[in-house]
Amino acid sequence: YGVQEYHRPETLAAAVVLLRDLPGARPLAGGTDLLVASREKGSP
């Protein structure tokens, strides 16, 4: 669904650094809303 980069940190510290350093990065939890919006609502 338009994803070009995928990161899977193993600590909270690593996760927040990634979100700081990657402009426009989105946190992914279960994906039951985010991936639907990416595919069907024009929010890649």
All heavy atoms as atom14 arrays in JSON, in Angstrom:
{
  "sequence": "YGVQEYHRPETLAAAVVLLRDLPGARPLAGGTDLLVASREKGSP",
  "atom14_mask": [
    [1, 1, 1, 1, 1, 1, 1, 1, 1, 1, 1, 1, 0, 0],
    [1, 1, 1, 1, 0, 0, 0, 0, 0, 0, 0, 0, 0, 0],
    [1, 1, 1, 1, 1, 1, 1, 0, 0, 0, 0, 0, 0, 0],
    [1, 1, 1, 1, 1, 1, 1, 1, 1, 0, 0, 0, 0, 0],
    [1, 1, 1, 1, 1, 1, 1, 1, 1, 0, 0, 0, 0, 0],
    [1, 1, 1, 1, 1, 1, 1, 1, 1, 1, 1, 1, 0, 0],
    [1, 1, 1, 1, 1, 1, 1, 1, 1, 1, 0, 0, 0, 0],
    [1, 1, 1, 1, 1, 1, 1, 1, 1, 1, 1, 0, 0, 0],
    [1, 1, 1, 1, 1, 1, 1, 0, 0, 0, 0, 0, 0, 0],
    [1, 1, 1, 1, 1, 1, 1, 1, 1, 0, 0, 0, 0, 0],
    [1, 1, 1, 1, 1, 1, 1, 0, 0, 0, 0, 0, 0, 0],
    [1, 1, 1, 1, 1, 1, 1, 1, 0, 0, 0, 0, 0, 0],
    [1, 1, 1, 1, 1, 0, 0, 0, 0, 0, 0, 0, 0, 0],
    [1, 1, 1, 1, 1, 0, 0, 0, 0, 0, 0, 0, 0, 0],
    [1, 1, 1, 1, 1, 0, 0, 0, 0, 0, 0, 0, 0, 0],
    [1, 1, 1, 1, 1, 1, 1, 0, 0, 0, 0, 0, 0, 0],
    [1, 1, 1, 1, 1, 1, 1, 0, 0, 0, 0, 0, 0, 0],
    [1, 1, 1, 1, 1, 1, 1, 1, 0, 0, 0, 0, 0, 0],
    [1, 1, 1, 1, 1, 1, 1, 1, 0, 0, 0, 0, 0, 0],
    [1, 1, 1, 1, 1, 1, 1, 1, 1, 1, 1, 0, 0, 0],
    [1, 1, 1, 1, 1, 1, 1, 1, 0, 0, 0, 0, 0, 0],
    [1, 1, 1, 1, 1, 1, 1, 1, 0, 0, 0, 0, 0, 0],
    [1, 1, 1, 1, 1, 1, 1, 0, 0, 0, 0, 0, 0, 0],
    [1, 1, 1, 1, 0, 0, 0, 0, 0, 0, 0, 0, 0, 0],
    [1, 1, 1, 1, 1, 0, 0, 0, 0, 0, 0, 0, 0, 0],
    [1, 1, 1, 1, 1, 1, 1, 1, 1, 1, 1, 0, 0, 0],
    [1, 1, 1, 1, 1, 1, 1, 0, 0, 0, 0, 0, 0, 0],
    [1, 1, 1, 1, 1, 1, 1, 1, 0, 0, 0, 0, 0, 0],
    [1, 1, 1, 1, 1, 0, 0, 0, 0, 0, 0, 0, 0, 0],
    [1, 1, 1, 1, 0, 0, 0, 0, 0, 0, 0, 0, 0, 0],
    [1, 1, 1, 1, 0, 0, 0, 0, 0, 0, 0, 0, 0, 0],
    [1, 1, 1, 1, 1, 1, 1, 0, 0, 0, 0, 0, 0, 0],
    [1, 1, 1, 1, 1, 1, 1, 1, 0, 0, 0, 0, 0, 0],
    [1, 1, 1, 1, 1, 1, 1, 1, 0, 0, 0, 0, 0, 0],
    [1, 1, 1, 1, 1, 1, 1, 1, 0, 0, 0, 0, 0, 0],
    [1, 1, 1, 1, 1, 1, 1, 0, 0, 0, 0, 0, 0, 0],
    [1, 1, 1, 1, 1, 0, 0, 0, 0, 0, 0, 0, 0, 0],
    [1, 1, 1, 1, 1, 1, 0, 0, 0, 0, 0, 0, 0, 0],
    [1, 1, 1, 1, 1, 1, 1, 1, 1, 1, 1, 0, 0, 0],
    [1, 1, 1, 1, 1, 1, 1, 1, 1, 0, 0, 0, 0, 0],
    [1, 1, 1, 1, 1, 1, 1, 1, 1, 0, 0, 0, 0, 0],
    [1, 1, 1, 1, 0, 0, 0, 0, 0, 0, 0, 0, 0, 0],
    [1, 1, 1, 1, 1, 1, 0, 0, 0, 0, 0, 0, 0, 0],
    [1, 1, 1, 1, 1, 1, 1, 0, 0, 0, 0, 0, 0, 0]
  ],
  "atom14_positions": [
    [[0.81, -1.21, 0.0], [0.0, 0.0, 0.0], [0.85, 1.26, 0.0], [0.61, 2.21, 0.75], [-0.97, 0.02, 1.19], [-1.73, -1.26, 1.38], [-1.87, -1.81, 2.64], [-2.29, -1.92, 0.29], [-2.57, -3.0, 2.81], [-2.99, -3.11, 0.46], [-3.12, -3.64, 1.72], [-3.81, -4.82, 1.89], [0.0, 0.0, 0.0], [0.0, 0.0, 0.0]],
    [[1.89, 1.32, -0.83], [2.7, 2.53, -0.96], [3.83, 2.64, 0.03], [4.56, 3.64, 0.01], [0.0, 0.0, 0.0], [0.0, 0.0, 0.0], [0.0, 0.0, 0.0], [0.0, 0.0, 0.0], [0.0, 0.0, 0.0], [0.0, 0.0, 0.0], [0.0, 0.0, 0.0], [0.0, 0.0, 0.0], [0.0, 0.0, 0.0], [0.0, 0.0, 0.0]],
    [[4.06, 1.67, 0.89], [5.13, 1.73, 1.87], [6.48, 1.52, 1.16], [6.67, 0.56, 0.43], [4.95, 0.67, 2.97], [6.16, 0.67, 3.91], [3.67, 0.94, 3.75], [0.0, 0.0, 0.0], [0.0, 0.0, 0.0], [0.0, 0.0, 0.0], [0.0, 0.0, 0.0], [0.0, 0.0, 0.0], [0.0, 0.0, 0.0], [0.0, 0.0, 0.0]],
    [[7.41, 2.44, 1.4], [8.74, 2.35, 0.81], [9.8, 1.96, 1.83], [10.83, 1.38, 1.48], [9.1, 3.69, 0.16], [8.15, 4.08, -0.96], [8.4, 5.48, -1.46], [9.43, 6.09, -1.18], [7.45, 6.02, -2.21], [0.0, 0.0, 0.0], [0.0, 0.0, 0.0], [0.0, 0.0, 0.0], [0.0, 0.0, 0.0], [0.0, 0.0, 0.0]],
    [[9.59, 2.32, 3.1], [10.52, 1.96, 4.18], [9.73, 1.33, 5.32], [8.65, 1.8, 5.67], [11.25, 3.18, 4.71], [12.3, 3.75, 3.8], [13.09, 4.84, 4.52], [13.62, 4.57, 5.63], [13.17, 5.95, 3.98], [0.0, 0.0, 0.0], [0.0, 0.0, 0.0], [0.0, 0.0, 0.0], [0.0, 0.0, 0.0], [0.0, 0.0, 0.0]],
    [[10.3, 0.29, 5.9], [9.67, -0.4, 7.03], [10.72, -0.65, 8.09], [11.79, -1.21, 7.8], [9.05, -1.72, 6.56], [8.54, -2.6, 7.68], [7.28, -2.4, 8.23], [9.32, -3.64, 8.18], [6.8, -3.22, 9.25], [8.86, -4.46, 9.2], [7.6, -4.24, 9.73], [7.14, -5.04, 10.75], [0.0, 0.0, 0.0], [0.0, 0.0, 0.0]],
    [[10.43, -0.24, 9.32], [11.36, -0.42, 10.43], [10.62, -1.09, 11.58], [9.46, -0.77, 11.86], [11.92, 0.93, 10.9], [12.63, 1.69, 9.82], [13.99, 1.59, 9.59], [12.16, 2.57, 8.89], [14.32, 2.37, 8.58], [13.23, 2.98, 8.14], [0.0, 0.0, 0.0], [0.0, 0.0, 0.0], [0.0, 0.0, 0.0], [0.0, 0.0, 0.0]],
    [[11.31, -2.0, 12.27], [10.72, -2.7, 13.41], [11.68, -2.61, 14.6], [12.47, -3.54, 14.85], [10.41, -4.15, 13.06], [9.63, -4.92, 14.14], [9.42, -6.36, 13.74], [8.9, -7.17, 14.82], [7.6, -7.45, 15.0], [6.71, -6.98, 14.15], [7.23, -8.19, 16.02], [0.0, 0.0, 0.0], [0.0, 0.0, 0.0], [0.0, 0.0, 0.0]],
    [[11.63, -1.53, 15.35], [12.52, -1.38, 16.51], [12.13, -2.37, 17.62], [10.99, -2.81, 17.7], [12.29, 0.06, 16.95], [10.9, 0.38, 16.48], [10.74, -0.36, 15.18], [0.0, 0.0, 0.0], [0.0, 0.0, 0.0], [0.0, 0.0, 0.0], [0.0, 0.0, 0.0], [0.0, 0.0, 0.0], [0.0, 0.0, 0.0], [0.0, 0.0, 0.0]],
    [[13.1, -2.65, 18.49], [12.87, -3.58, 19.59], [12.85, -2.89, 20.95], [12.63, -3.55, 21.97], [13.95, -4.67, 19.57], [13.88, -5.53, 18.32], [14.91, -6.64, 18.32], [15.75, -6.68, 19.26], [14.89, -7.47, 17.4], [0.0, 0.0, 0.0], [0.0, 0.0, 0.0], [0.0, 0.0, 0.0], [0.0, 0.0, 0.0], [0.0, 0.0, 0.0]],
    [[13.07, -1.58, 20.98], [13.0, -0.83, 22.22], [12.25, 0.47, 21.96], [12.19, 0.98, 20.83], [14.39, -0.49, 22.78], [15.04, 0.41, 21.88], [15.23, -1.75, 22.95], [0.0, 0.0, 0.0], [0.0, 0.0, 0.0], [0.0, 0.0, 0.0], [0.0, 0.0, 0.0], [0.0, 0.0, 0.0], [0.0, 0.0, 0.0], [0.0, 0.0, 0.0]],
    [[11.69, 1.03, 23.04], [11.02, 2.33, 22.93], [12.0, 3.42, 22.53], [11.67, 4.28, 21.69], [10.34, 2.66, 24.25], [9.63, 4.02, 24.33], [8.54, 4.13, 23.28], [9.07, 4.24, 25.73], [0.0, 0.0, 0.0], [0.0, 0.0, 0.0], [0.0, 0.0, 0.0], [0.0, 0.0, 0.0], [0.0, 0.0, 0.0], [0.0, 0.0, 0.0]],
    [[13.2, 3.38, 23.09], [14.21, 4.4, 22.75], [14.5, 4.4, 21.25], [14.61, 5.46, 20.62], [15.49, 4.15, 23.55], [0.0, 0.0, 0.0], [0.0, 0.0, 0.0], [0.0, 0.0, 0.0], [0.0, 0.0, 0.0], [0.0, 0.0, 0.0], [0.0, 0.0, 0.0], [0.0, 0.0, 0.0], [0.0, 0.0, 0.0], [0.0, 0.0, 0.0]],
    [[14.63, 3.22, 20.66], [14.9, 3.14, 19.23], [13.7, 3.63, 18.42], [13.87, 4.29, 17.38], [15.25, 1.7, 18.85], [0.0, 0.0, 0.0], [0.0, 0.0, 0.0], [0.0, 0.0, 0.0], [0.0, 0.0, 0.0], [0.0, 0.0, 0.0], [0.0, 0.0, 0.0], [0.0, 0.0, 0.0], [0.0, 0.0, 0.0], [0.0, 0.0, 0.0]],
    [[12.5, 3.33, 18.88], [11.31, 3.73, 18.15], [11.18, 5.25, 18.07], [10.91, 5.81, 17.0], [10.07, 3.12, 18.8], [0.0, 0.0, 0.0], [0.0, 0.0, 0.0], [0.0, 0.0, 0.0], [0.0, 0.0, 0.0], [0.0, 0.0, 0.0], [0.0, 0.0, 0.0], [0.0, 0.0, 0.0], [0.0, 0.0, 0.0], [0.0, 0.0, 0.0]],
    [[11.38, 5.94, 19.19], [11.2, 7.4, 19.17], [12.31, 8.08, 18.38], [12.08, 9.13, 17.77], [11.08, 7.96, 20.6], [9.82, 7.45, 21.28], [12.31, 7.65, 21.45], [0.0, 0.0, 0.0], [0.0, 0.0, 0.0], [0.0, 0.0, 0.0], [0.0, 0.0, 0.0], [0.0, 0.0, 0.0], [0.0, 0.0, 0.0], [0.0, 0.0, 0.0]],
    [[13.51, 7.5, 18.36], [14.59, 8.07, 17.54], [14.25, 7.93, 16.07], [14.47, 8.86, 15.27], [15.93, 7.4, 17.88], [16.98, 7.75, 16.83], [16.4, 7.82, 19.26], [0.0, 0.0, 0.0], [0.0, 0.0, 0.0], [0.0, 0.0, 0.0], [0.0, 0.0, 0.0], [0.0, 0.0, 0.0], [0.0, 0.0, 0.0], [0.0, 0.0, 0.0]],
    [[13.72, 6.79, 15.66], [13.32, 6.61, 14.27], [12.25, 7.63, 13.87], [12.33, 8.23, 12.78], [12.78, 5.19, 14.05], [13.82, 4.08, 13.94], [13.15, 2.71, 14.03], [14.6, 4.19, 12.63], [0.0, 0.0, 0.0], [0.0, 0.0, 0.0], [0.0, 0.0, 0.0], [0.0, 0.0, 0.0], [0.0, 0.0, 0.0], [0.0, 0.0, 0.0]],
    [[11.27, 7.83, 14.74], [10.21, 8.79, 14.42], [10.75, 10.21, 14.36], [10.23, 11.04, 13.61], [9.09, 8.68, 15.45], [8.26, 7.4, 15.34], [7.33, 7.26, 16.54], [7.43, 7.39, 14.06], [0.0, 0.0, 0.0], [0.0, 0.0, 0.0], [0.0, 0.0, 0.0], [0.0, 0.0, 0.0], [0.0, 0.0, 0.0], [0.0, 0.0, 0.0]],
    [[11.77, 10.5, 15.13], [12.4, 11.83, 15.07], [13.2, 12.01, 13.79], [13.16, 13.08, 13.16], [13.33, 12.02, 16.28], [14.03, 13.38, 16.33], [15.17, 13.36, 17.32], [16.23, 12.42, 16.91], [17.24, 12.05, 17.69], [17.32, 12.52, 18.93], [18.16, 11.21, 17.24], [0.0, 0.0, 0.0], [0.0, 0.0, 0.0], [0.0, 0.0, 0.0]],
    [[13.9, 10.97, 13.38], [14.86, 11.1, 12.28], [14.27, 10.82, 10.91], [14.95, 11.09, 9.9], [16.05, 10.16, 12.52], [16.86, 10.55, 13.75], [16.69, 11.7, 14.22], [17.64, 9.71, 14.23], [0.0, 0.0, 0.0], [0.0, 0.0, 0.0], [0.0, 0.0, 0.0], [0.0, 0.0, 0.0], [0.0, 0.0, 0.0], [0.0, 0.0, 0.0]],
    [[13.06, 10.27, 10.85], [12.45, 9.93, 9.56], [11.22, 10.82, 9.34], [10.13, 10.5, 9.83], [12.07, 8.45, 9.52], [13.22, 7.45, 9.67], [12.67, 6.03, 9.82], [14.16, 7.54, 8.46], [0.0, 0.0, 0.0], [0.0, 0.0, 0.0], [0.0, 0.0, 0.0], [0.0, 0.0, 0.0], [0.0, 0.0, 0.0], [0.0, 0.0, 0.0]],
    [[11.37, 11.92, 8.63], [10.22, 12.83, 8.43], [9.05, 12.1, 7.76], [9.23, 11.37, 6.78], [10.79, 13.91, 7.5], [12.28, 13.86, 7.73], [12.59, 12.43, 8.01], [0.0, 0.0, 0.0], [0.0, 0.0, 0.0], [0.0, 0.0, 0.0], [0.0, 0.0, 0.0], [0.0, 0.0, 0.0], [0.0, 0.0, 0.0], [0.0, 0.0, 0.0]],
    [[7.88, 12.29, 8.32], [6.67, 11.67, 7.76], [6.45, 10.24, 8.14], [5.47, 9.62, 7.72], [0.0, 0.0, 0.0], [0.0, 0.0, 0.0], [0.0, 0.0, 0.0], [0.0, 0.0, 0.0], [0.0, 0.0, 0.0], [0.0, 0.0, 0.0], [0.0, 0.0, 0.0], [0.0, 0.0, 0.0], [0.0, 0.0, 0.0], [0.0, 0.0, 0.0]],
    [[7.34, 9.66, 8.96], [7.17, 8.28, 9.38], [5.92, 8.15, 10.25], [5.59, 9.04, 11.04], [8.39, 7.8, 10.14], [0.0, 0.0, 0.0], [0.0, 0.0, 0.0], [0.0, 0.0, 0.0], [0.0, 0.0, 0.0], [0.0, 0.0, 0.0], [0.0, 0.0, 0.0], [0.0, 0.0, 0.0], [0.0, 0.0, 0.0], [0.0, 0.0, 0.0]],
    [[5.23, 7.03, 10.11], [4.02, 6.77, 10.89], [4.23, 5.56, 11.78], [4.71, 4.52, 11.32], [2.82, 6.51, 9.96], [2.44, 7.68, 9.07], [1.7, 8.76, 9.83], [0.48, 8.25, 10.44], [-0.69, 8.15, 9.8], [-0.79, 8.5, 8.53], [-1.76, 7.71, 10.44], [0.0, 0.0, 0.0], [0.0, 0.0, 0.0], [0.0, 0.0, 0.0]],
    [[3.86, 5.65, 13.05], [3.92, 4.46, 13.91], [2.83, 3.47, 13.51], [1.7, 3.86, 13.22], [3.69, 5.02, 15.31], [2.97, 6.32, 15.11], [3.42, 6.85, 13.78], [0.0, 0.0, 0.0], [0.0, 0.0, 0.0], [0.0, 0.0, 0.0], [0.0, 0.0, 0.0], [0.0, 0.0, 0.0], [0.0, 0.0, 0.0], [0.0, 0.0, 0.0]],
    [[3.16, 2.2, 13.51], [2.22, 1.14, 13.16], [1.95, 0.29, 14.39], [2.87, -0.27, 14.98], [2.81, 0.28, 12.04], [2.01, -0.98, 11.66], [0.68, -0.6, 11.02], [2.83, -1.86, 10.71], [0.0, 0.0, 0.0], [0.0, 0.0, 0.0], [0.0, 0.0, 0.0], [0.0, 0.0, 0.0], [0.0, 0.0, 0.0], [0.0, 0.0, 0.0]],
    [[0.68, 0.23, 14.79], [0.29, -0.63, 15.91], [-0.29, -1.91, 15.31], [0.43, -2.7, 14.7], [-0.71, 0.1, 16.8], [0.0, 0.0, 0.0], [0.0, 0.0, 0.0], [0.0, 0.0, 0.0], [0.0, 0.0, 0.0], [0.0, 0.0, 0.0], [0.0, 0.0, 0.0], [0.0, 0.0, 0.0], [0.0, 0.0, 0.0], [0.0, 0.0, 0.0]],
    [[-1.6, -2.13, 15.43], [-2.19, -3.31, 14.82], [-2.36, -3.19, 13.32], [-2.41, -4.18, 12.59], [0.0, 0.0, 0.0], [0.0, 0.0, 0.0], [0.0, 0.0, 0.0], [0.0, 0.0, 0.0], [0.0, 0.0, 0.0], [0.0, 0.0, 0.0], [0.0, 0.0, 0.0], [0.0, 0.0, 0.0], [0.0, 0.0, 0.0], [0.0, 0.0, 0.0]],
    [[-2.48, -1.94, 12.83], [-2.64, -1.7, 11.41], [-4.05, -1.82, 10.9], [-4.3, -1.64, 9.7], [0.0, 0.0, 0.0], [0.0, 0.0, 0.0], [0.0, 0.0, 0.0], [0.0, 0.0, 0.0], [0.0, 0.0, 0.0], [0.0, 0.0, 0.0], [0.0, 0.0, 0.0], [0.0, 0.0, 0.0], [0.0, 0.0, 0.0], [0.0, 0.0, 0.0]],
    [[-5.02, -2.11, 11.79], [-6.39, -2.35, 11.32], [-7.07, -1.08, 10.83], [-8.04, -1.16, 10.08], [-7.24, -2.98, 12.44], [-7.24, -2.13, 13.59], [-6.68, -4.34, 12.82], [0.0, 0.0, 0.0], [0.0, 0.0, 0.0], [0.0, 0.0, 0.0], [0.0, 0.0, 0.0], [0.0, 0.0, 0.0], [0.0, 0.0, 0.0], [0.0, 0.0, 0.0]],
    [[-6.58, 0.08, 11.23], [-7.08, 1.35, 10.69], [-6.1, 1.96, 9.71], [-6.48, 2.39, 8.62], [-7.34, 2.36, 11.83], [-8.53, 1.99, 12.68], [-9.58, 1.66, 12.11], [-8.41, 2.03, 13.91], [0.0, 0.0, 0.0], [0.0, 0.0, 0.0], [0.0, 0.0, 0.0], [0.0, 0.0, 0.0], [0.0, 0.0, 0.0], [0.0, 0.0, 0.0]],
    [[-4.82, 1.99, 10.08], [-3.82, 2.67, 9.26], [-3.69, 2.07, 7.87], [-3.66, 2.78, 6.86], [-2.47, 2.63, 9.98], [-1.3, 3.31, 9.27], [-1.55, 4.79, 9.11], [-0.01, 3.06, 10.05], [0.0, 0.0, 0.0], [0.0, 0.0, 0.0], [0.0, 0.0, 0.0], [0.0, 0.0, 0.0], [0.0, 0.0, 0.0], [0.0, 0.0, 0.0]],
    [[-3.62, 0.75, 7.78], [-3.42, 0.13, 6.47], [-4.68, 0.21, 5.61], [-4.6, 0.33, 4.39], [-2.99, -1.32, 6.64], [-1.62, -1.52, 7.32], [-1.26, -2.99, 7.39], [-0.54, -0.73, 6.61], [0.0, 0.0, 0.0], [0.0, 0.0, 0.0], [0.0, 0.0, 0.0], [0.0, 0.0, 0.0], [0.0, 0.0, 0.0], [0.0, 0.0, 0.0]],
    [[-5.85, 0.19, 6.25], [-7.08, 0.38, 5.48], [-7.13, 1.79, 4.91], [-7.48, 2.0, 3.74], [-8.32, 0.11, 6.37], [-9.6, 0.54, 5.66], [-8.39, -1.36, 6.73], [0.0, 0.0, 0.0], [0.0, 0.0, 0.0], [0.0, 0.0, 0.0], [0.0, 0.0, 0.0], [0.0, 0.0, 0.0], [0.0, 0.0, 0.0], [0.0, 0.0, 0.0]],
    [[-6.75, 2.78, 5.72], [-6.73, 4.16, 5.24], [-5.73, 4.32, 4.11], [-5.99, 5.04, 3.13], [-6.4, 5.11, 6.39], [0.0, 0.0, 0.0], [0.0, 0.0, 0.0], [0.0, 0.0, 0.0], [0.0, 0.0, 0.0], [0.0, 0.0, 0.0], [0.0, 0.0, 0.0], [0.0, 0.0, 0.0], [0.0, 0.0, 0.0], [0.0, 0.0, 0.0]],
    [[-4.6, 3.65, 4.21], [-3.59, 3.72, 3.16], [-4.09, 3.14, 1.85], [-3.85, 3.69, 0.77], [-2.33, 2.98, 3.62], [-1.35, 2.96, 2.61], [0.0, 0.0, 0.0], [0.0, 0.0, 0.0], [0.0, 0.0, 0.0], [0.0, 0.0, 0.0], [0.0, 0.0, 0.0], [0.0, 0.0, 0.0], [0.0, 0.0, 0.0], [0.0, 0.0, 0.0]],
    [[-4.83, 2.04, 1.95], [-5.27, 1.35, 0.74], [-6.52, 1.96, 0.13], [-6.63, 2.11, -1.09], [-5.54, -0.12, 1.06], [-5.97, -0.96, -0.13], [-6.27, -2.38, 0.29], [-7.36, -2.42, 1.25], [-7.73, -3.53, 1.9], [-7.07, -4.66, 1.71], [-8.73, -3.51, 2.74], [0.0, 0.0, 0.0], [0.0, 0.0, 0.0], [0.0, 0.0, 0.0]],
    [[-7.47, 2.37, 0.99], [-8.79, 2.73, 0.49], [-9.13, 4.21, 0.56], [-10.05, 4.66, -0.11], [-9.86, 1.95, 1.27], [-9.76, 0.44, 1.1], [-10.83, -0.3, 1.88], [-11.63, 0.36, 2.57], [-10.88, -1.54, 1.77], [0.0, 0.0, 0.0], [0.0, 0.0, 0.0], [0.0, 0.0, 0.0], [0.0, 0.0, 0.0], [0.0, 0.0, 0.0]],
    [[-8.41, 4.97, 1.36], [-8.78, 6.36, 1.57], [-7.76, 7.36, 1.06], [-7.8, 8.54, 1.39], [-9.03, 6.6, 3.07], [-10.16, 5.74, 3.63], [-10.38, 6.02, 5.11], [-11.49, 5.13, 5.67], [-11.72, 5.38, 7.12], [0.0, 0.0, 0.0], [0.0, 0.0, 0.0], [0.0, 0.0, 0.0], [0.0, 0.0, 0.0], [0.0, 0.0, 0.0]],
    [[-6.81, 6.88, 0.27], [-5.84, 7.8, -0.32], [-4.89, 8.41, 0.68], [-4.51, 9.57, 0.53], [0.0, 0.0, 0.0], [0.0, 0.0, 0.0], [0.0, 0.0, 0.0], [0.0, 0.0, 0.0], [0.0, 0.0, 0.0], [0.0, 0.0, 0.0], [0.0, 0.0, 0.0], [0.0, 0.0, 0.0], [0.0, 0.0, 0.0], [0.0, 0.0, 0.0]],
    [[-4.52, 7.65, 1.73], [-3.59, 8.16, 2.74], [-2.36, 7.28, 2.79], [-2.14, 6.56, 3.76], [-4.28, 8.21, 4.12], [-5.44, 8.99, 4.08], [0.0, 0.0, 0.0], [0.0, 0.0, 0.0], [0.0, 0.0, 0.0], [0.0, 0.0, 0.0], [0.0, 0.0, 0.0], [0.0, 0.0, 0.0], [0.0, 0.0, 0.0], [0.0, 0.0, 0.0]],
    [[-1.53, 7.3, 1.74], [-0.38, 6.39, 1.7], [0.64, 6.73, 2.79], [0.82, 7.88, 3.17], [0.2, 6.63, 0.31], [-0.26, 8.0, -0.06], [-1.6, 8.17, 0.56], [0.0, 0.0, 0.0], [0.0, 0.0, 0.0], [0.0, 0.0, 0.0], [0.0, 0.0, 0.0], [0.0, 0.0, 0.0], [0.0, 0.0, 0.0], [0.0, 0.0, 0.0]]
  ]
}
